[in-house]
Amino acid sequence: VGAVVSLVGGTMFLLWLGEQITSRG
């Protein structure tokens, strides 16, 4: 459960980071 939560959070954070690069970078 801890691994699934961590991996889901890591991937979604990368998506948010990618959106920030697209809009502000």
PDB file of all heavy atoms in Angstrom:
ATOM      1  N   VAL A   1       0.835  -1.199   0.000  1.00  0.00           N
ATOM      2  CA  VAL A   1       0.000   0.000   0.000  1.00  0.00           C
ATOM      3  C   VAL A   1       0.875   1.255   0.000  1.00  0.00           C
ATOM      4  O   VAL A   1       0.621   2.221  -0.738  1.00  0.00           O
ATOM      5  CB  VAL A   1      -0.946  -0.014   1.215  1.00  0.00           C
ATOM      6  CG1 VAL A   1      -1.685   1.323   1.329  1.00  0.00           C
ATOM      7  CG2 VAL A   1      -1.953  -1.150   1.093  1.00  0.00           C
ATOM      8  N   GLY A   2       1.927   1.250   0.838  1.00  0.00           N
ATOM      9  CA  GLY A   2       2.827   2.406   0.870  1.00  0.00           C
ATOM     10  C   GLY A   2       3.529   2.628  -0.455  1.00  0.00           C
ATOM     11  O   GLY A   2       3.690   3.775  -0.900  1.00  0.00           O
ATOM     12  N   ALA A   3       3.937   1.523  -1.119  1.00  0.00           N
ATOM     13  CA  ALA A   3       4.598   1.652  -2.417  1.00  0.00           C
ATOM     14  C   ALA A   3       3.647   2.184  -3.477  1.00  0.00           C
ATOM     15  O   ALA A   3       4.021   3.048  -4.287  1.00  0.00           O
ATOM     16  CB  ALA A   3       5.165   0.297  -2.844  1.00  0.00           C
ATOM     17  N   VAL A   4       2.399   1.702  -3.475  1.00  0.00           N
ATOM     18  CA  VAL A   4       1.418   2.163  -4.466  1.00  0.00           C
ATOM     19  C   VAL A   4       1.130   3.653  -4.275  1.00  0.00           C
ATOM     20  O   VAL A   4       1.110   4.427  -5.236  1.00  0.00           O
ATOM     21  CB  VAL A   4       0.125   1.327  -4.369  1.00  0.00           C
ATOM     22  CG1 VAL A   4      -0.991   1.975  -5.193  1.00  0.00           C
ATOM     23  CG2 VAL A   4       0.372  -0.089  -4.851  1.00  0.00           C
ATOM     24  N   VAL A   5       0.922   4.070  -3.028  1.00  0.00           N
ATOM     25  CA  VAL A   5       0.648   5.483  -2.760  1.00  0.00           C
ATOM     26  C   VAL A   5       1.834   6.353  -3.168  1.00  0.00           C
ATOM     27  O   VAL A   5       1.669   7.422  -3.792  1.00  0.00           O
ATOM     28  CB  VAL A   5       0.313   5.683  -1.268  1.00  0.00           C
ATOM     29  CG1 VAL A   5       0.221   7.174  -0.934  1.00  0.00           C
ATOM     30  CG2 VAL A   5      -0.991   4.989  -0.913  1.00  0.00           C
ATOM     31  N   SER A   6       3.045   5.886  -2.864  1.00  0.00           N
ATOM     32  CA  SER A   6       4.238   6.667  -3.214  1.00  0.00           C
ATOM     33  C   SER A   6       4.415   6.771  -4.720  1.00  0.00           C
ATOM     34  O   SER A   6       4.724   7.848  -5.245  1.00  0.00           O
ATOM     35  CB  SER A   6       5.479   6.026  -2.585  1.00  0.00           C
ATOM     36  OG  SER A   6       5.373   5.968  -1.172  1.00  0.00           O
ATOM     37  N   LEU A   7       4.198   5.658  -5.443  1.00  0.00           N
ATOM     38  CA  LEU A   7       4.389   5.664  -6.896  1.00  0.00           C
ATOM     39  C   LEU A   7       3.319   6.497  -7.596  1.00  0.00           C
ATOM     40  O   LEU A   7       3.613   7.222  -8.559  1.00  0.00           O
ATOM     41  CB  LEU A   7       4.377   4.228  -7.427  1.00  0.00           C
ATOM     42  CG  LEU A   7       5.578   3.367  -7.023  1.00  0.00           C
ATOM     43  CD1 LEU A   7       5.372   1.926  -7.436  1.00  0.00           C
ATOM     44  CD2 LEU A   7       6.861   3.908  -7.634  1.00  0.00           C
ATOM     45  N   VAL A   8       2.066   6.400  -7.118  1.00  0.00           N
ATOM     46  CA  VAL A   8       1.004   7.225  -7.707  1.00  0.00           C
ATOM     47  C   VAL A   8       1.296   8.710  -7.467  1.00  0.00           C
ATOM     48  O   VAL A   8       1.183   9.548  -8.376  1.00  0.00           O
ATOM     49  CB  VAL A   8      -0.367   6.837  -7.137  1.00  0.00           C
ATOM     50  CG1 VAL A   8      -1.440   7.832  -7.580  1.00  0.00           C
ATOM     51  CG2 VAL A   8      -0.754   5.440  -7.589  1.00  0.00           C
ATOM     52  N   GLY A   9       1.703   9.041  -6.238  1.00  0.00           N
ATOM     53  CA  GLY A   9       2.032  10.429  -5.940  1.00  0.00           C
ATOM     54  C   GLY A   9       3.214  10.933  -6.750  1.00  0.00           C
ATOM     55  O   GLY A   9       3.213  12.085  -7.209  1.00  0.00           O
ATOM     56  N   GLY A  10       4.239  10.094  -6.953  1.00  0.00           N
ATOM     57  CA  GLY A  10       5.394  10.498  -7.750  1.00  0.00           C
ATOM     58  C   GLY A  10       5.037  10.768  -9.193  1.00  0.00           C
ATOM     59  O   GLY A  10       5.471  11.775  -9.778  1.00  0.00           O
ATOM     60  N   THR A  11       4.215   9.894  -9.798  1.00  0.00           N
ATOM     61  CA  THR A  11       3.823  10.094 -11.197  1.00  0.00           C
ATOM     62  C   THR A  11       2.951  11.335 -11.359  1.00  0.00           C
ATOM     63  O   THR A  11       3.140  12.120 -12.298  1.00  0.00           O
ATOM     64  CB  THR A  11       3.077   8.856 -11.715  1.00  0.00           C
ATOM     65  OG1 THR A  11       3.950   7.721 -11.674  1.00  0.00           O
ATOM     66  CG2 THR A  11       2.608   9.059 -13.148  1.00  0.00           C
ATOM     67  N   MET A  12       1.997  11.527 -10.460  1.00  0.00           N
ATOM     68  CA  MET A  12       1.122  12.702 -10.562  1.00  0.00           C
ATOM     69  C   MET A  12       1.914  13.994 -10.320  1.00  0.00           C
ATOM     70  O   MET A  12       1.614  15.031 -10.920  1.00  0.00           O
ATOM     71  CB  MET A  12      -0.032  12.595  -9.568  1.00  0.00           C
ATOM     72  CG  MET A  12      -0.931  11.387  -9.791  1.00  0.00           C
ATOM     73  SD  MET A  12      -1.466  11.174 -11.510  1.00  0.00           S
ATOM     74  CE  MET A  12      -2.534  12.594 -11.715  1.00  0.00           C
ATOM     75  N   PHE A  13       2.925  13.933  -9.447  1.00  0.00           N
ATOM     76  CA  PHE A  13       3.762  15.118  -9.264  1.00  0.00           C
ATOM     77  C   PHE A  13       4.529  15.431 -10.546  1.00  0.00           C
ATOM     78  O   PHE A  13       4.693  16.608 -10.908  1.00  0.00           O
ATOM     79  CB  PHE A  13       4.735  14.908  -8.103  1.00  0.00           C
ATOM     80  CG  PHE A  13       5.696  16.048  -7.910  1.00  0.00           C
ATOM     81  CD1 PHE A  13       5.291  17.208  -7.266  1.00  0.00           C
ATOM     82  CD2 PHE A  13       6.999  15.978  -8.390  1.00  0.00           C
ATOM     83  CE1 PHE A  13       6.168  18.274  -7.101  1.00  0.00           C
ATOM     84  CE2 PHE A  13       7.884  17.030  -8.225  1.00  0.00           C
ATOM     85  CZ  PHE A  13       7.462  18.185  -7.581  1.00  0.00           C
ATOM     86  N   LEU A  14       5.025  14.388 -11.238  1.00  0.00           N
ATOM     87  CA  LEU A  14       5.718  14.621 -12.509  1.00  0.00           C
ATOM     88  C   LEU A  14       4.784  15.241 -13.537  1.00  0.00           C
ATOM     89  O   LEU A  14       5.205  16.110 -14.318  1.00  0.00           O
ATOM     90  CB  LEU A  14       6.293  13.310 -13.041  1.00  0.00           C
ATOM     91  CG  LEU A  14       7.552  12.768 -12.363  1.00  0.00           C
ATOM     92  CD1 LEU A  14       8.050  11.536 -13.102  1.00  0.00           C
ATOM     93  CD2 LEU A  14       8.644  13.818 -12.306  1.00  0.00           C
ATOM     94  N   LEU A  15       3.515  14.803 -13.562  1.00  0.00           N
ATOM     95  CA  LEU A  15       2.557  15.406 -14.493  1.00  0.00           C
ATOM     96  C   LEU A  15       2.343  16.874 -14.160  1.00  0.00           C
ATOM     97  O   LEU A  15       2.264  17.721 -15.065  1.00  0.00           O
ATOM     98  CB  LEU A  15       1.226  14.651 -14.435  1.00  0.00           C
ATOM     99  CG  LEU A  15       1.221  13.232 -14.988  1.00  0.00           C
ATOM    100  CD1 LEU A  15      -0.192  12.661 -14.967  1.00  0.00           C
ATOM    101  CD2 LEU A  15       1.782  13.192 -16.398  1.00  0.00           C
ATOM    102  N   TRP A  16       2.208  17.190 -12.870  1.00  0.00           N
ATOM    103  CA  TRP A  16       2.060  18.594 -12.467  1.00  0.00           C
ATOM    104  C   TRP A  16       3.302  19.395 -12.844  1.00  0.00           C
ATOM    105  O   TRP A  16       3.194  20.521 -13.336  1.00  0.00           O
ATOM    106  CB  TRP A  16       1.824  18.665 -10.956  1.00  0.00           C
ATOM    107  CG  TRP A  16       1.752  20.067 -10.439  1.00  0.00           C
ATOM    108  CD1 TRP A  16       0.669  20.890 -10.447  1.00  0.00           C
ATOM    109  CD2 TRP A  16       2.827  20.820  -9.857  1.00  0.00           C
ATOM    110  NE1 TRP A  16       0.992  22.111  -9.896  1.00  0.00           N
ATOM    111  CE2 TRP A  16       2.306  22.100  -9.517  1.00  0.00           C
ATOM    112  CE3 TRP A  16       4.156  20.542  -9.566  1.00  0.00           C
ATOM    113  CZ2 TRP A  16       3.089  23.087  -8.923  1.00  0.00           C
ATOM    114  CZ3 TRP A  16       4.934  21.515  -8.975  1.00  0.00           C
ATOM    115  CH2 TRP A  16       4.412  22.772  -8.653  1.00  0.00           C
ATOM    116  N   LEU A  17       4.479  18.797 -12.647  1.00  0.00           N
ATOM    117  CA  LEU A  17       5.722  19.477 -13.010  1.00  0.00           C
ATOM    118  C   LEU A  17       5.787  19.710 -14.515  1.00  0.00           C
ATOM    119  O   LEU A  17       6.229  20.777 -14.975  1.00  0.00           O
ATOM    120  CB  LEU A  17       6.916  18.649 -12.538  1.00  0.00           C
ATOM    121  CG  LEU A  17       8.285  19.333 -12.520  1.00  0.00           C
ATOM    122  CD1 LEU A  17       8.296  20.471 -11.510  1.00  0.00           C
ATOM    123  CD2 LEU A  17       9.381  18.317 -12.182  1.00  0.00           C
ATOM    124  N   GLY A  18       5.344  18.724 -15.288  1.00  0.00           N
ATOM    125  CA  GLY A  18       5.319  18.893 -16.738  1.00  0.00           C
ATOM    126  C   GLY A  18       4.370  20.001 -17.172  1.00  0.00           C
ATOM    127  O   GLY A  18       4.679  20.768 -18.096  1.00  0.00           O
ATOM    128  N   GLU A  19       3.209  20.109 -16.507  1.00  0.00           N
ATOM    129  CA  GLU A  19       2.280  21.193 -16.836  1.00  0.00           C
ATOM    130  C   GLU A  19       2.876  22.558 -16.508  1.00  0.00           C
ATOM    131  O   GLU A  19       2.682  23.525 -17.256  1.00  0.00           O
ATOM    132  CB  GLU A  19       0.976  20.994 -16.066  1.00  0.00           C
ATOM    133  CG  GLU A  19       0.143  19.828 -16.553  1.00  0.00           C
ATOM    134  CD  GLU A  19      -1.125  19.676 -15.748  1.00  0.00           C
ATOM    135  OE1 GLU A  19      -1.262  20.405 -14.730  1.00  0.00           O
ATOM    136  OE2 GLU A  19      -1.964  18.856 -16.139  1.00  0.00           O
ATOM    137  N   GLN A  20       3.604  22.636 -15.396  1.00  0.00           N
ATOM    138  CA  GLN A  20       4.246  23.900 -15.044  1.00  0.00           C
ATOM    139  C   GLN A  20       5.305  24.288 -16.074  1.00  0.00           C
ATOM    140  O   GLN A  20       5.448  25.458 -16.420  1.00  0.00           O
ATOM    141  CB  GLN A  20       4.874  23.803 -13.647  1.00  0.00           C
ATOM    142  CG  GLN A  20       3.879  23.567 -12.529  1.00  0.00           C
ATOM    143  CD  GLN A  20       2.814  24.635 -12.476  1.00  0.00           C
ATOM    144  OE1 GLN A  20       3.105  25.824 -12.475  1.00  0.00           O
ATOM    145  NE2 GLN A  20       1.555  24.205 -12.445  1.00  0.00           N
ATOM    146  N   ILE A  21       6.055  23.292 -16.564  1.00  0.00           N
ATOM    147  CA  ILE A  21       7.065  23.583 -17.596  1.00  0.00           C
ATOM    148  C   ILE A  21       6.387  24.081 -18.866  1.00  0.00           C
ATOM    149  O   ILE A  21       6.841  25.044 -19.500  1.00  0.00           O
ATOM    150  CB  ILE A  21       7.912  22.333 -17.878  1.00  0.00           C
ATOM    151  CG1 ILE A  21       8.761  21.978 -16.649  1.00  0.00           C
ATOM    152  CG2 ILE A  21       8.826  22.555 -19.079  1.00  0.00           C
ATOM    153  CD1 ILE A  21       9.541  20.679 -16.806  1.00  0.00           C
ATOM    154  N   THR A  22       5.275  23.441 -19.249  1.00  0.00           N
ATOM    155  CA  THR A  22       4.581  23.840 -20.472  1.00  0.00           C
ATOM    156  C   THR A  22       4.031  25.259 -20.372  1.00  0.00           C
ATOM    157  O   THR A  22       4.112  26.033 -21.334  1.00  0.00           O
ATOM    158  CB  THR A  22       3.443  22.852 -20.763  1.00  0.00           C
ATOM    159  OG1 THR A  22       3.974  21.520 -20.855  1.00  0.00           O
ATOM    160  CG2 THR A  22       2.749  23.200 -22.068  1.00  0.00           C
ATOM    161  N   SER A  23       3.459  25.623 -19.215  1.00  0.00           N
ATOM    162  CA  SER A  23       2.819  26.933 -19.075  1.00  0.00           C
ATOM    163  C   SER A  23       3.800  28.044 -18.699  1.00  0.00           C
ATOM    164  O   SER A  23       3.686  29.165 -19.195  1.00  0.00           O
ATOM    165  CB  SER A  23       1.706  26.867 -18.021  1.00  0.00           C
ATOM    166  OG  SER A  23       2.229  26.470 -16.762  1.00  0.00           O
ATOM    167  N   ARG A  24       4.780  27.731 -17.856  1.00  0.00           N
ATOM    168  CA  ARG A  24       5.680  28.774 -17.354  1.00  0.00           C
ATOM    169  C   ARG A  24       7.107  28.645 -17.881  1.00  0.00           C
ATOM    170  O   ARG A  24       7.925  29.530 -17.657  1.00  0.00           O
ATOM    171  CB  ARG A  24       5.700  28.737 -15.827  1.00  0.00           C
ATOM    172  CG  ARG A  24       4.334  28.925 -15.209  1.00  0.00           C
ATOM    173  CD  ARG A  24       4.349  28.715 -13.709  1.00  0.00           C
ATOM    174  NE  ARG A  24       5.253  29.638 -13.047  1.00  0.00           N
ATOM    175  CZ  ARG A  24       5.490  29.623 -11.741  1.00  0.00           C
ATOM    176  NH1 ARG A  24       4.914  28.697 -10.978  1.00  0.00           N
ATOM    177  NH2 ARG A  24       6.317  30.490 -11.210  1.00  0.00           N
ATOM    178  N   GLY A  25       7.400  27.520 -18.536  1.00  0.00           N
ATOM    179  CA  GLY A  25       8.735  27.304 -19.073  1.00  0.00           C
ATOM    180  C   GLY A  25       8.736  27.335 -20.589  1.00  0.00           C
ATOM    181  O   GLY A  25       7.976  28.076 -21.225  1.00  0.00           O
TER     182      GLY A  25
END
